[in-house]
Amino acid sequence: MNEAIALTIVFLFIWGGHWMPWWICPAIVDEERQLLRPLAYVFGCIGIFLGLVVWALMLIGDGIVQVGILVPIWFLAMDIVAAGAGAMLPRAIKLAKRYRALEGDNDDYEQAIQER
């Protein structure tokens, strides 16, 4: 159960980063009003590290581990997968919205041509 909570936190952290209004601070965005790539990578790494810290604190709180936690490879892999899903799903949603908007624009264009 601890793993699911930690992975959900990572997913939501990364997901939320895709919907943050980064353009409020012009110094950290590019021409397309997206977060600069190096900062986006740092944000992602913080999200992955956050999952590991939350999971370790939960284990320590449960009394499973006293001192010096060694993170199993499987949890690290699942943490990275959760962060990747949190990054890719919002991009897929944005692409789908853009595709539908373009598809709607094309329908309007074709209708305007037929009316001439």
Protein backbone atom coordinates (compact mmCIF):
# COMPACT_ATOMS: atom_id res chain seq x y z
CA MET A 1 0.00 0.00 0.00
CA ASN A 2 2.88 2.38 0.77
CA GLU A 3 4.18 1.89 -2.75
CA ALA A 4 0.85 2.79 -4.34
CA ILE A 5 0.58 6.00 -2.32
CA ALA A 6 4.14 7.06 -3.14
CA LEU A 7 3.71 6.30 -6.86
CA THR A 8 0.41 8.19 -6.94
CA ILE A 9 2.09 11.22 -5.38
CA VAL A 10 4.81 11.09 -8.06
CA PHE A 11 2.24 10.75 -10.85
CA LEU A 12 0.18 13.68 -9.55
CA PHE A 13 3.25 15.86 -8.98
CA ILE A 14 4.45 15.39 -12.56
CA TRP A 15 0.90 15.62 -13.96
CA GLY A 16 0.33 18.85 -12.08
CA GLY A 17 3.55 20.28 -13.45
CA HIS A 18 2.11 20.00 -16.96
CA TRP A 19 -0.88 22.15 -16.06
CA MET A 20 0.96 24.75 -13.98
CA PRO A 21 0.72 28.28 -15.39
CA TRP A 22 4.49 28.60 -15.86
CA TRP A 23 4.04 31.61 -18.15
CA ILE A 24 3.33 33.73 -15.06
CA CYS A 25 7.11 33.91 -14.61
CA PRO A 26 8.51 34.85 -18.06
CA ALA A 27 12.11 34.15 -17.02
CA ILE A 28 11.53 30.39 -16.91
CA VAL A 29 9.52 29.86 -20.12
CA ASP A 30 10.37 29.73 -23.81
CA GLU A 31 8.64 31.39 -26.77
CA GLU A 32 5.79 28.85 -26.64
CA ARG A 33 5.20 29.66 -22.96
CA GLN A 34 6.45 26.22 -21.93
CA LEU A 35 8.85 25.58 -19.08
CA LEU A 36 12.47 25.65 -20.26
CA ARG A 37 13.81 22.14 -20.92
CA PRO A 38 16.56 22.12 -18.26
CA LEU A 39 14.06 23.30 -15.66
CA ALA A 40 11.55 20.69 -16.81
CA TYR A 41 14.18 17.97 -16.36
CA VAL A 42 15.00 19.25 -12.88
CA PHE A 43 11.28 19.28 -12.05
CA GLY A 44 10.99 15.66 -13.22
CA CYS A 45 14.00 14.55 -11.21
CA ILE A 46 12.58 16.24 -8.11
CA GLY A 47 9.33 14.34 -8.72
CA ILE A 48 11.15 11.01 -8.91
CA PHE A 49 13.19 11.82 -5.80
CA LEU A 50 10.00 12.89 -4.01
CA GLY A 51 8.52 9.43 -4.56
CA LEU A 52 11.57 7.74 -3.11
CA VAL A 53 11.58 10.02 -0.06
CA VAL A 54 7.86 9.56 0.60
CA TRP A 55 8.18 5.79 0.29
CA ALA A 56 11.24 5.69 2.58
CA LEU A 57 9.48 7.83 5.19
CA MET A 58 6.45 5.55 5.09
CA LEU A 59 8.63 2.49 5.63
CA ILE A 60 10.47 4.16 8.49
CA GLY A 61 7.14 5.27 9.98
CA ASP A 62 5.84 1.70 9.83
CA GLY A 63 8.95 0.50 11.65
CA ILE A 64 10.01 -1.69 8.73
CA VAL A 65 13.35 0.04 8.32
CA GLN A 66 15.22 1.78 11.11
CA VAL A 67 18.25 3.45 9.55
CA GLY A 68 19.85 3.60 6.10
CA ILE A 69 17.23 2.50 3.62
CA LEU A 70 18.38 0.70 0.48
CA VAL A 71 15.89 1.36 -2.31
CA PRO A 72 15.02 -1.79 -4.23
CA ILE A 73 15.50 -1.57 -7.97
CA TRP A 74 11.88 -2.50 -8.65
CA PHE A 75 10.56 0.49 -6.73
CA LEU A 76 12.96 2.85 -8.47
CA ALA A 77 11.76 1.46 -11.82
CA MET A 78 8.10 1.87 -10.83
CA ASP A 79 8.83 5.39 -9.60
CA ILE A 80 10.31 6.30 -12.97
CA VAL A 81 7.35 4.70 -14.79
CA ALA A 82 4.89 6.71 -12.67
CA ALA A 83 6.80 9.92 -13.42
CA GLY A 84 6.88 9.04 -17.13
CA ALA A 85 3.15 8.38 -17.18
CA GLY A 86 2.55 11.66 -15.39
CA ALA A 87 4.60 13.40 -18.08
CA MET A 88 3.26 11.64 -21.17
CA LEU A 89 -0.49 11.50 -20.47
CA PRO A 90 -0.95 15.30 -20.35
CA ARG A 91 1.04 15.58 -23.58
CA ALA A 92 -1.22 12.99 -25.20
CA ILE A 93 -4.30 14.89 -24.04
CA LYS A 94 -2.93 18.17 -25.43
CA LEU A 95 -2.11 16.49 -28.76
CA ALA A 96 -5.60 14.97 -28.96
CA LYS A 97 -7.18 18.36 -28.27
CA ARG A 98 -4.97 20.02 -30.90
CA TYR A 99 -5.80 17.29 -33.44
CA ARG A 100 -9.53 17.68 -32.83
CA ALA A 101 -9.25 21.46 -33.16
CA LEU A 102 -7.38 21.11 -36.45
CA GLU A 103 -9.88 18.55 -37.64
CA GLY A 104 -12.72 20.97 -36.83
CA ASP A 105 -10.91 23.77 -38.66
CA ASN A 106 -10.56 21.57 -41.73
CA ASP A 107 -14.28 20.78 -41.70
CA ASP A 108 -15.11 24.49 -41.59
CA TYR A 109 -12.69 25.15 -44.46
CA GLU A 110 -14.14 22.37 -46.60
CA GLN A 111 -17.66 23.61 -45.91
CA ALA A 112 -16.68 27.18 -46.86
CA ILE A 113 -15.21 25.91 -50.16
CA GLN A 114 -18.37 23.95 -50.97
CA GLU A 115 -20.56 26.99 -50.30
CA ARG A 116 -18.68 29.05 -52.93
